[in-house]
Every structure is written in structure tokens, then in C-alpha cells.
Amino acid sequence: MTGNSQVRRLLVVNPNTSKAMTHVITASVNNTLQAYGGIVEATTVHVDHGVESVEGSFDEVVSAYWTLEKVVPLLPSYDGVLVACFSNHVAVKALREYTSKPVMHIMEAAILQSLPLGAHFSIITDSGHWCPLLEEGVQSVLGSLERCASVRSAEMTALDTVTLSQDQVVEKLASAGRQAIDQDGAEVLILGCAGLAHTRERMVTLLGVPIIDAVAAGVNTMIGPMITQLTTSPVGMYTPLPPRPEEVNVPNPGIMTAYQADPKNQ
């Protein structure tokens, strides 16, 4: 870390155990931060237990528990948290109750970044199982599906995005993206998985429309609140988690710490 007192530290969390996906996320984070001249530094981590890829709601709940366990002990050293899962990940709301530091998931950031770039966006996700879940997520983020032209599947799993050859991945993405543009009226495409970050440049060349890497969008969106020291509101939805150690019995120290400590001092 540099000696500049204005440098902010961002914790980027891959909420699955895949080291290959963490590598892709890290590369996108580092490339994005180069444009900011050192005002923000980032550390990328993955959870130590849980699932290797988040393929639906059950996996998301499992990954959320281990995300909290990973993040809570690390929070004192960071100024904000980005959860690098393209979903309306429940760990984000939970962390907003635990800390006043800004917390966001990459789906929210990517949607917000798309809005000034075109009237309608489409999300290109990996598996078809995610399509209704992401439509629900868009509704949660925007309160409406009006700006979302479609959610299309590239017929992969999340792990396929980092285990198949890049040519195979791009071919599947480009096919789904072309359908979104030609048939659904999409003007902007969002890559709907953190493991797709490395495909953005080739997708732009192939399809000729703005393509959003959700990881980079997350970093860009988090920088503003971090450097201006904005905090999460302590009233309403994200009312701070009260200390209740006598009511909680789990074997993991990070979760226990969340219930025993004053969350706004973390």
C-alpha cells in the first residue's frame, strides 16, 4: 500500500471456491484500477469452503454463508466490498447490515453502468437456469424490467466459462448476444458471469455494441462511494445487526464475531 492517505482499499470476493475464476476476476480488477492512478487498491479473495460454482439459489445460499465467514474478519482492513457473483446475491444485503462501508454485487453495478449507454440492455448468462433468477434480480435492482430487452443463456455452466477454451466460450456468447441484438432489440450487452470478464474485448469486436464486463463495472461503481466516504444508511432496510451472541450457535468465528461486535465499528 502506498503512503497516500487518500488511497482506499477494496475487497473483491469471489463467493465460490474456484481459483481459476478468482484469477479471471483478479485480472479484470487489476486492469480496471490502472486507470485510476493508485487512488484505490484491491485484494481479490475466494471463499475457502462452499461450492466451486454458483449454479442456482441453493448454491447461492451456501456461498453466502461462507462469504460472510470470509469477509467479516477482513473488513477492518478495507473500505468497501464487491461481491463478484452475477446475481442478486444475498450476502450483499447481509453485509450491509453488518457494516456501514459500501457493499455491492457485480450484477447491480453492471445494470447501472448499462443505463446511459442504450435504451435497452440484455444479459448473456451461462445456463438457462439463471434466466428467470436474473430477471427477478433486474426487477429487484431497477424496480422494473422495462429496460431489460432479454436474458439469454449461452448454454454453459459457470465453471465452463473458465475451463472451456476461450474460443468455445466466445462462440457460445456471441451466438446468444447476436440473438439478443437482432431478435430482442438489445443495444447494450452485459456479460452475466464473473468468469466471462476476459471475453469482453473479443465480444465487442464481434458484435459491435457496448459490452459490459460486470467485474470492471463493479470496481468502477464502487470507487465513487469509497473515495467520497459514503456509508450505508443505518435506518430502514439495513438497520445494523444487533449483538446477540447468546442466540447464535455456529462453529465459525467470523459469523459469531458479527453477532458479538458492534457492526458499525468494523
Protein backbone atom coordinates (compact mmCIF):
# COMPACT_ATOMS: atom_id res chain seq x y z
CA MET A 1 0.00 0.00 0.00
CA THR A 2 1.30 3.45 -0.83
CA GLY A 3 1.82 6.24 1.65
CA ASN A 4 -1.02 8.30 0.16
CA SER A 5 -3.60 8.76 2.92
CA GLN A 6 -6.34 9.05 0.28
CA VAL A 7 -5.79 5.54 -1.07
CA ARG A 8 -8.84 3.37 -0.47
CA ARG A 9 -8.80 -0.40 -0.22
CA LEU A 10 -11.40 -2.54 -1.98
CA LEU A 11 -12.03 -6.17 -1.05
CA VAL A 12 -13.26 -8.19 -4.05
CA VAL A 13 -14.77 -11.52 -3.06
CA ASN A 14 -15.37 -14.47 -5.34
CA PRO A 15 -18.10 -16.28 -3.38
CA ASN A 16 -17.13 -19.67 -4.79
CA THR A 17 -14.04 -21.80 -4.28
CA SER A 18 -12.80 -21.74 -7.89
CA LYS A 19 -9.22 -20.48 -8.11
CA ALA A 20 -9.50 -20.29 -11.89
CA MET A 21 -12.46 -17.90 -11.64
CA THR A 22 -10.67 -15.86 -8.98
CA HIS A 23 -7.76 -15.50 -11.42
CA VAL A 24 -10.09 -14.12 -14.13
CA ILE A 25 -11.69 -11.74 -11.63
CA THR A 26 -8.30 -10.53 -10.38
CA ALA A 27 -7.12 -9.75 -13.92
CA SER A 28 -10.23 -7.66 -14.61
CA VAL A 29 -9.90 -5.81 -11.30
CA ASN A 30 -6.23 -5.00 -11.88
CA ASN A 31 -6.81 -3.85 -15.46
CA THR A 32 -9.63 -1.57 -14.33
CA LEU A 33 -7.67 0.01 -11.50
CA GLN A 34 -4.80 1.03 -13.78
CA ALA A 35 -6.91 3.95 -15.00
CA TYR A 36 -7.25 5.43 -11.50
CA GLY A 37 -3.61 6.17 -10.75
CA GLY A 38 -3.41 4.41 -7.41
CA ILE A 39 -6.32 6.07 -5.60
CA VAL A 40 -7.79 2.60 -4.97
CA GLU A 41 -6.05 -0.70 -4.28
CA ALA A 42 -7.82 -4.03 -4.35
CA THR A 43 -7.40 -7.52 -2.97
CA THR A 44 -9.26 -10.43 -4.55
CA VAL A 45 -10.09 -13.48 -2.44
CA HIS A 46 -12.27 -16.55 -2.79
CA VAL A 47 -14.13 -18.44 -0.11
CA ASP A 48 -12.39 -21.43 1.43
CA HIS A 49 -15.47 -23.64 1.75
CA GLY A 50 -18.72 -23.98 -0.15
CA VAL A 51 -19.33 -24.56 -3.87
CA GLU A 52 -16.96 -24.38 -6.81
CA SER A 53 -19.53 -22.55 -8.88
CA VAL A 54 -22.85 -20.92 -8.03
CA GLU A 55 -25.43 -22.53 -10.31
CA GLY A 56 -28.69 -21.52 -8.62
CA SER A 57 -30.46 -20.44 -5.45
CA PHE A 58 -29.37 -23.32 -3.24
CA ASP A 59 -25.72 -22.79 -4.18
CA GLU A 60 -26.12 -19.07 -3.58
CA VAL A 61 -27.32 -19.59 -0.01
CA VAL A 62 -24.41 -21.93 0.71
CA SER A 63 -21.94 -19.49 -0.82
CA ALA A 64 -23.46 -16.58 1.11
CA TYR A 65 -22.73 -18.21 4.46
CA TRP A 66 -19.09 -18.77 3.57
CA THR A 67 -18.82 -15.31 2.05
CA LEU A 68 -19.84 -13.77 5.37
CA GLU A 69 -17.41 -16.02 7.21
CA LYS A 70 -14.60 -14.90 4.88
CA VAL A 71 -15.40 -11.18 4.80
CA VAL A 72 -16.22 -10.34 8.42
CA PRO A 73 -12.68 -10.84 9.79
CA LEU A 74 -11.16 -8.94 6.83
CA LEU A 75 -13.44 -5.89 6.92
CA PRO A 76 -11.40 -3.73 9.31
CA SER A 77 -8.65 -3.56 6.69
CA TYR A 78 -10.88 -2.45 3.79
CA ASP A 79 -13.07 0.49 2.79
CA GLY A 80 -15.60 -1.39 0.68
CA VAL A 81 -16.62 -4.84 -0.53
CA LEU A 82 -17.51 -6.04 -4.03
CA VAL A 83 -19.15 -9.48 -4.24
CA ALA A 84 -18.13 -10.87 -7.63
CA CYS A 85 -21.14 -13.05 -8.35
CA PHE A 86 -23.57 -12.09 -11.09
CA SER A 87 -26.77 -12.50 -9.11
CA ASN A 88 -28.80 -10.60 -6.57
CA HIS A 89 -26.51 -12.26 -4.06
CA VAL A 90 -27.96 -12.43 -0.55
CA ALA A 91 -24.53 -11.88 1.03
CA VAL A 92 -24.69 -8.23 -0.09
CA LYS A 93 -27.78 -7.39 1.95
CA ALA A 94 -26.37 -9.29 4.92
CA LEU A 95 -23.08 -7.40 4.78
CA ARG A 96 -24.91 -4.09 4.51
CA GLU A 97 -26.50 -4.89 7.87
CA TYR A 98 -23.11 -5.72 9.34
CA THR A 99 -21.06 -2.75 8.12
CA SER A 100 -21.68 0.83 7.05
CA LYS A 101 -18.93 0.54 4.43
CA PRO A 102 -20.27 0.36 0.85
CA VAL A 103 -21.06 -3.16 -0.39
CA MET A 104 -22.25 -4.10 -3.88
CA HIS A 105 -22.59 -7.10 -6.16
CA ILE A 106 -21.46 -7.01 -9.77
CA MET A 107 -24.93 -7.52 -11.22
CA GLU A 108 -26.19 -4.29 -9.66
CA ALA A 109 -23.14 -2.39 -10.90
CA ALA A 110 -23.35 -3.75 -14.45
CA ILE A 111 -27.03 -2.86 -14.79
CA LEU A 112 -26.41 0.68 -13.55
CA GLN A 113 -23.48 1.12 -15.94
CA SER A 114 -25.58 -0.01 -18.91
CA LEU A 115 -28.35 2.55 -18.48
CA PRO A 116 -26.69 5.61 -20.08
CA LEU A 117 -25.29 3.55 -22.96
CA GLY A 118 -28.54 2.48 -24.61
CA ALA A 119 -32.27 2.28 -24.11
CA HIS A 120 -32.32 -1.50 -23.61
CA PHE A 121 -29.78 -4.00 -22.33
CA SER A 122 -29.63 -7.78 -22.47
CA ILE A 123 -27.82 -10.08 -20.09
CA ILE A 124 -25.92 -13.00 -21.57
CA THR A 125 -25.65 -15.59 -18.84
CA ASP A 126 -24.19 -19.09 -18.74
CA SER A 127 -27.02 -21.57 -18.06
CA GLY A 128 -30.73 -21.35 -18.77
CA HIS A 129 -31.47 -21.96 -15.10
CA TRP A 130 -30.23 -18.44 -14.40
CA CYS A 131 -32.58 -16.68 -16.82
CA PRO A 132 -35.64 -16.37 -14.51
CA LEU A 133 -33.37 -15.73 -11.50
CA LEU A 134 -31.66 -12.83 -13.26
CA GLU A 135 -34.97 -11.39 -14.47
CA GLU A 136 -36.01 -11.39 -10.82
CA GLY A 137 -32.70 -9.71 -9.97
CA VAL A 138 -33.22 -6.97 -12.56
CA GLN A 139 -36.66 -6.34 -11.10
CA SER A 140 -35.08 -6.01 -7.66
CA VAL A 141 -32.35 -3.61 -8.83
CA LEU A 142 -34.46 -1.37 -11.11
CA GLY A 143 -37.99 -1.99 -9.88
CA SER A 144 -38.93 -2.80 -13.46
CA LEU A 145 -37.98 -4.99 -16.42
CA GLU A 146 -38.74 -2.20 -18.91
CA ARG A 147 -35.07 -1.50 -19.75
CA CYS A 148 -34.16 -5.20 -19.97
CA ALA A 149 -34.62 -6.50 -23.51
CA SER A 150 -33.88 -10.10 -22.52
CA VAL A 151 -31.83 -12.53 -20.51
CA ARG A 152 -30.28 -15.13 -22.80
CA SER A 153 -28.36 -18.27 -22.00
CA ALA A 154 -25.12 -19.33 -23.68
CA GLU A 155 -25.81 -22.91 -22.57
CA MET A 156 -22.82 -23.33 -20.25
CA THR A 157 -22.19 -23.77 -16.57
CA ALA A 158 -20.34 -21.12 -14.59
CA LEU A 159 -17.30 -23.40 -14.45
CA ASP A 160 -17.38 -23.82 -18.24
CA THR A 161 -16.56 -20.12 -18.54
CA VAL A 162 -13.08 -20.75 -17.14
CA THR A 163 -12.49 -24.39 -18.16
CA LEU A 164 -13.56 -24.41 -21.83
CA SER A 165 -11.25 -22.80 -24.38
CA GLN A 166 -11.78 -19.07 -24.82
CA ASP A 167 -12.75 -19.70 -28.46
CA GLN A 168 -15.55 -22.05 -27.35
CA VAL A 169 -16.79 -19.62 -24.72
CA VAL A 170 -16.76 -16.63 -27.07
CA GLU A 171 -18.56 -18.59 -29.79
CA LYS A 172 -21.39 -19.51 -27.41
CA LEU A 173 -21.60 -15.96 -26.03
CA ALA A 174 -21.54 -14.33 -29.45
CA SER A 175 -24.38 -16.55 -30.69
CA ALA A 176 -26.58 -15.63 -27.73
CA GLY A 177 -25.55 -11.98 -27.99
CA ARG A 178 -26.42 -11.77 -31.66
CA GLN A 179 -29.89 -13.15 -30.93
CA ALA A 180 -30.35 -10.57 -28.19
CA ILE A 181 -29.45 -7.75 -30.60
CA ASP A 182 -31.31 -8.98 -33.67
CA GLN A 183 -34.39 -10.53 -32.07
CA ASP A 184 -34.82 -8.74 -28.73
CA GLY A 185 -33.69 -5.20 -29.54
CA ALA A 186 -30.73 -5.09 -27.16
CA GLU A 187 -28.42 -2.11 -27.61
CA VAL A 188 -26.03 -3.00 -24.78
CA LEU A 189 -24.94 -6.46 -23.64
CA ILE A 190 -23.95 -7.40 -20.11
CA LEU A 191 -21.73 -10.42 -19.51
CA GLY A 192 -23.71 -12.24 -16.84
CA CYS A 193 -20.96 -14.13 -15.02
CA ALA A 194 -17.69 -13.06 -13.37
CA GLY A 195 -15.92 -15.81 -15.31
CA LEU A 196 -16.73 -14.04 -18.59
CA ALA A 197 -14.70 -10.91 -17.85
CA HIS A 198 -11.83 -11.96 -20.11
CA THR A 199 -14.11 -12.20 -23.19
CA ARG A 200 -15.25 -8.58 -23.39
CA GLU A 201 -12.82 -7.24 -26.00
CA ARG A 202 -13.45 -10.08 -28.44
CA MET A 203 -17.20 -9.74 -27.95
CA VAL A 204 -17.05 -6.02 -28.77
CA THR A 205 -15.15 -6.80 -31.97
CA LEU A 206 -17.63 -9.50 -33.00
CA LEU A 207 -20.88 -7.73 -32.15
CA GLY A 208 -20.13 -4.00 -32.41
CA VAL A 209 -22.21 -2.87 -29.43
CA PRO A 210 -21.17 -1.85 -25.89
CA ILE A 211 -20.29 -4.96 -23.87
CA ILE A 212 -20.10 -4.66 -20.09
CA ASP A 213 -17.69 -6.73 -18.04
CA ALA A 214 -19.57 -6.89 -14.74
CA VAL A 215 -16.41 -7.17 -12.64
CA ALA A 216 -14.96 -3.99 -14.13
CA ALA A 217 -18.35 -2.31 -13.72
CA GLY A 218 -18.31 -3.27 -10.06
CA VAL A 219 -14.87 -1.76 -9.47
CA ASN A 220 -15.79 1.45 -11.32
CA THR A 221 -19.07 1.81 -9.41
CA MET A 222 -17.51 1.15 -6.02
CA ILE A 223 -14.77 3.75 -6.39
CA GLY A 224 -17.08 6.78 -6.07
CA PRO A 225 -18.64 5.86 -2.70
CA MET A 226 -15.28 4.72 -1.36
CA ILE A 227 -13.26 7.83 -2.16
CA THR A 228 -16.07 10.16 -1.02
CA GLN A 229 -16.55 8.05 2.13
CA LEU A 230 -20.26 7.48 1.64
CA THR A 231 -21.83 4.99 4.02
CA THR A 232 -24.83 2.69 4.03
CA SER A 233 -27.86 4.16 5.77
CA PRO A 234 -28.36 2.83 9.32
CA VAL A 235 -32.15 3.19 9.17
CA GLY A 236 -34.72 1.09 7.38
CA MET A 237 -33.63 -1.88 5.29
CA TYR A 238 -30.01 -2.04 6.52
CA THR A 239 -30.59 -1.37 10.20
CA PRO A 240 -27.39 -2.56 11.93
CA LEU A 241 -27.18 -6.14 13.10
CA PRO A 242 -27.55 -6.16 16.91
CA PRO A 243 -25.10 -8.13 19.10
CA ARG A 244 -26.88 -11.38 20.04
CA PRO A 245 -24.16 -13.90 20.93
CA GLU A 246 -26.45 -15.79 23.31
CA GLU A 247 -28.90 -16.55 20.48
CA VAL A 248 -26.40 -17.81 17.91
CA ASN A 249 -24.70 -21.20 17.84
CA VAL A 250 -22.50 -21.77 14.80
CA PRO A 251 -18.96 -23.18 14.70
CA ASN A 252 -17.46 -20.44 12.53
CA PRO A 253 -15.73 -17.49 14.23
CA GLY A 254 -16.48 -14.92 11.52
CA ILE A 255 -20.22 -15.41 11.83
CA MET A 256 -20.00 -15.36 15.62
CA THR A 257 -17.98 -12.15 15.52
CA ALA A 258 -20.74 -10.50 13.51
CA TYR A 259 -23.22 -11.12 16.31
CA GLN A 260 -20.86 -10.23 19.16
CA ALA A 261 -19.39 -6.97 17.83
CA ASP A 262 -20.80 -3.52 17.18
CA PRO A 263 -21.20 -3.77 13.39
CA LYS A 264 -20.66 -0.07 12.77
CA ASN A 265 -17.22 -0.19 14.37
CA GLN A 266 -15.99 -2.81 11.92
